[in-house]
Amino acid sequence: MPKFLIQATYTPEGTKGLLKEGASGRRTAVDQVVSSLGGKVEAMYFAFGQDDLVMIIDFPDPVSMAAVSLTVKASGALHTRATPLLTVDEIDEASRRQVAFRAPGS
């Protein structure tokens, strides 16, 4: 199942919601959304600094991740970044594939 690193920053309105329902309330909400599309939250951490929230989420396909991302961003409560994560085996497989490529100007 594809894994994604999610990094999020709450907007002022999103922060008010977090303060109102607490971290456990947000975890429950995230679990419900992710599981409704066949996914699983592997890890969820709150942070401070550039990111307020960091998660690793498994989804059955990238389209499910895109659907959640669009919905969350449309809420205006969070600014998010989703990064696909690849295993060591997947990178080994990618490095063995032949790619026909010519660099610009060569």
Protein backbone atom coordinates (compact mmCIF):
# COMPACT_ATOMS: atom_id res chain seq x y z
CA MET A 1 0.00 0.00 0.00
CA PRO A 2 1.49 3.40 -0.94
CA LYS A 3 2.70 5.52 1.97
CA PHE A 4 2.61 9.30 2.17
CA LEU A 5 4.34 11.77 4.46
CA ILE A 6 1.90 14.53 5.37
CA GLN A 7 3.19 17.83 6.74
CA ALA A 8 0.56 20.33 7.78
CA THR A 9 0.27 23.80 9.23
CA TYR A 10 -2.94 24.97 10.86
CA THR A 11 -4.52 28.25 9.79
CA PRO A 12 -5.80 30.47 12.62
CA GLU A 13 -9.29 28.95 12.20
CA GLY A 14 -7.85 25.42 12.21
CA THR A 15 -5.91 26.19 15.38
CA LYS A 16 -9.11 27.36 17.07
CA GLY A 17 -10.70 24.04 16.14
CA LEU A 18 -7.73 22.12 17.53
CA LEU A 19 -7.91 24.05 20.80
CA LYS A 20 -11.65 23.34 21.02
CA GLU A 21 -11.58 19.57 20.42
CA GLY A 22 -8.02 18.68 21.43
CA ALA A 23 -5.42 16.50 19.76
CA SER A 24 -7.30 13.27 20.46
CA GLY A 25 -10.38 14.68 18.75
CA ARG A 26 -8.34 15.51 15.67
CA ARG A 27 -6.74 12.04 15.70
CA THR A 28 -10.19 10.47 15.71
CA ALA A 29 -11.29 12.68 12.81
CA VAL A 30 -8.16 11.84 10.79
CA ASP A 31 -8.57 8.10 11.46
CA GLN A 32 -12.19 8.24 10.27
CA VAL A 33 -11.36 10.06 7.04
CA VAL A 34 -8.39 7.86 6.18
CA SER A 35 -10.11 4.56 7.02
CA SER A 36 -13.21 5.56 5.03
CA LEU A 37 -11.04 5.36 1.90
CA GLY A 38 -9.33 2.10 2.86
CA GLY A 39 -6.26 3.71 4.39
CA LYS A 40 -4.49 3.61 7.73
CA VAL A 41 -2.71 6.22 9.84
CA GLU A 42 0.69 4.70 10.65
CA ALA A 43 1.94 7.64 12.71
CA MET A 44 0.64 11.05 13.74
CA TYR A 45 2.64 13.63 15.65
CA PHE A 46 1.97 17.21 16.59
CA ALA A 47 4.95 19.55 16.34
CA PHE A 48 5.88 23.19 16.57
CA GLY A 49 8.00 25.19 14.18
CA GLN A 50 7.33 25.20 10.45
CA ASP A 51 4.88 22.26 10.71
CA ASP A 52 2.13 21.75 13.27
CA LEU A 53 1.37 18.17 12.29
CA VAL A 54 3.36 15.34 10.72
CA MET A 55 1.81 12.02 9.67
CA ILE A 56 2.61 8.87 7.77
CA ILE A 57 -0.49 7.52 6.07
CA ASP A 58 -1.06 4.38 3.99
CA PHE A 59 -3.63 4.57 1.18
CA PRO A 60 -4.62 1.92 -1.32
CA ASP A 61 -3.81 4.27 -4.21
CA PRO A 62 -2.68 7.84 -4.96
CA VAL A 63 -6.18 8.87 -6.02
CA SER A 64 -7.44 8.27 -2.45
CA MET A 65 -4.63 10.48 -1.14
CA ALA A 66 -5.52 13.16 -3.67
CA ALA A 67 -9.20 13.04 -2.68
CA VAL A 68 -8.36 13.59 1.00
CA SER A 69 -5.83 16.29 0.17
CA LEU A 70 -8.32 18.25 -1.93
CA THR A 71 -11.02 18.00 0.72
CA VAL A 72 -8.70 19.07 3.55
CA LYS A 73 -7.28 21.99 1.58
CA ALA A 74 -10.77 23.14 0.58
CA SER A 75 -11.70 23.38 4.27
CA GLY A 76 -9.21 26.22 4.73
CA ALA A 77 -8.23 24.85 8.16
CA LEU A 78 -4.83 23.49 7.10
CA HIS A 79 -2.06 24.02 4.59
CA THR A 80 -0.69 20.59 3.70
CA ARG A 81 2.09 18.92 1.76
CA ALA A 82 1.89 15.25 0.78
CA THR A 83 5.08 13.44 -0.19
CA PRO A 84 4.95 9.91 -1.62
CA LEU A 85 7.29 7.59 0.28
CA LEU A 86 9.15 4.74 -1.42
CA THR A 87 10.71 1.67 0.15
CA VAL A 88 14.31 0.62 -0.33
CA ASP A 89 13.11 -2.23 -2.57
CA GLU A 90 11.10 0.18 -4.73
CA ILE A 91 14.14 2.40 -5.26
CA ASP A 92 16.26 -0.67 -6.06
CA GLU A 93 13.67 -1.67 -8.66
CA ALA A 94 13.61 1.85 -10.09
CA SER A 95 17.40 1.95 -10.35
CA ARG A 96 17.35 -1.25 -12.47
CA ARG A 97 14.88 0.11 -15.03
CA GLN A 98 16.31 1.38 -18.28
CA VAL A 99 15.26 4.94 -19.09
CA ALA A 100 15.86 6.52 -22.50
CA PHE A 101 16.78 10.11 -21.67
CA ARG A 102 18.78 12.84 -23.34
CA ALA A 103 19.71 15.86 -21.24
CA PRO A 104 18.87 19.27 -22.70
CA GLY A 105 21.61 20.51 -25.00
CA SER A 106 23.37 17.14 -25.34
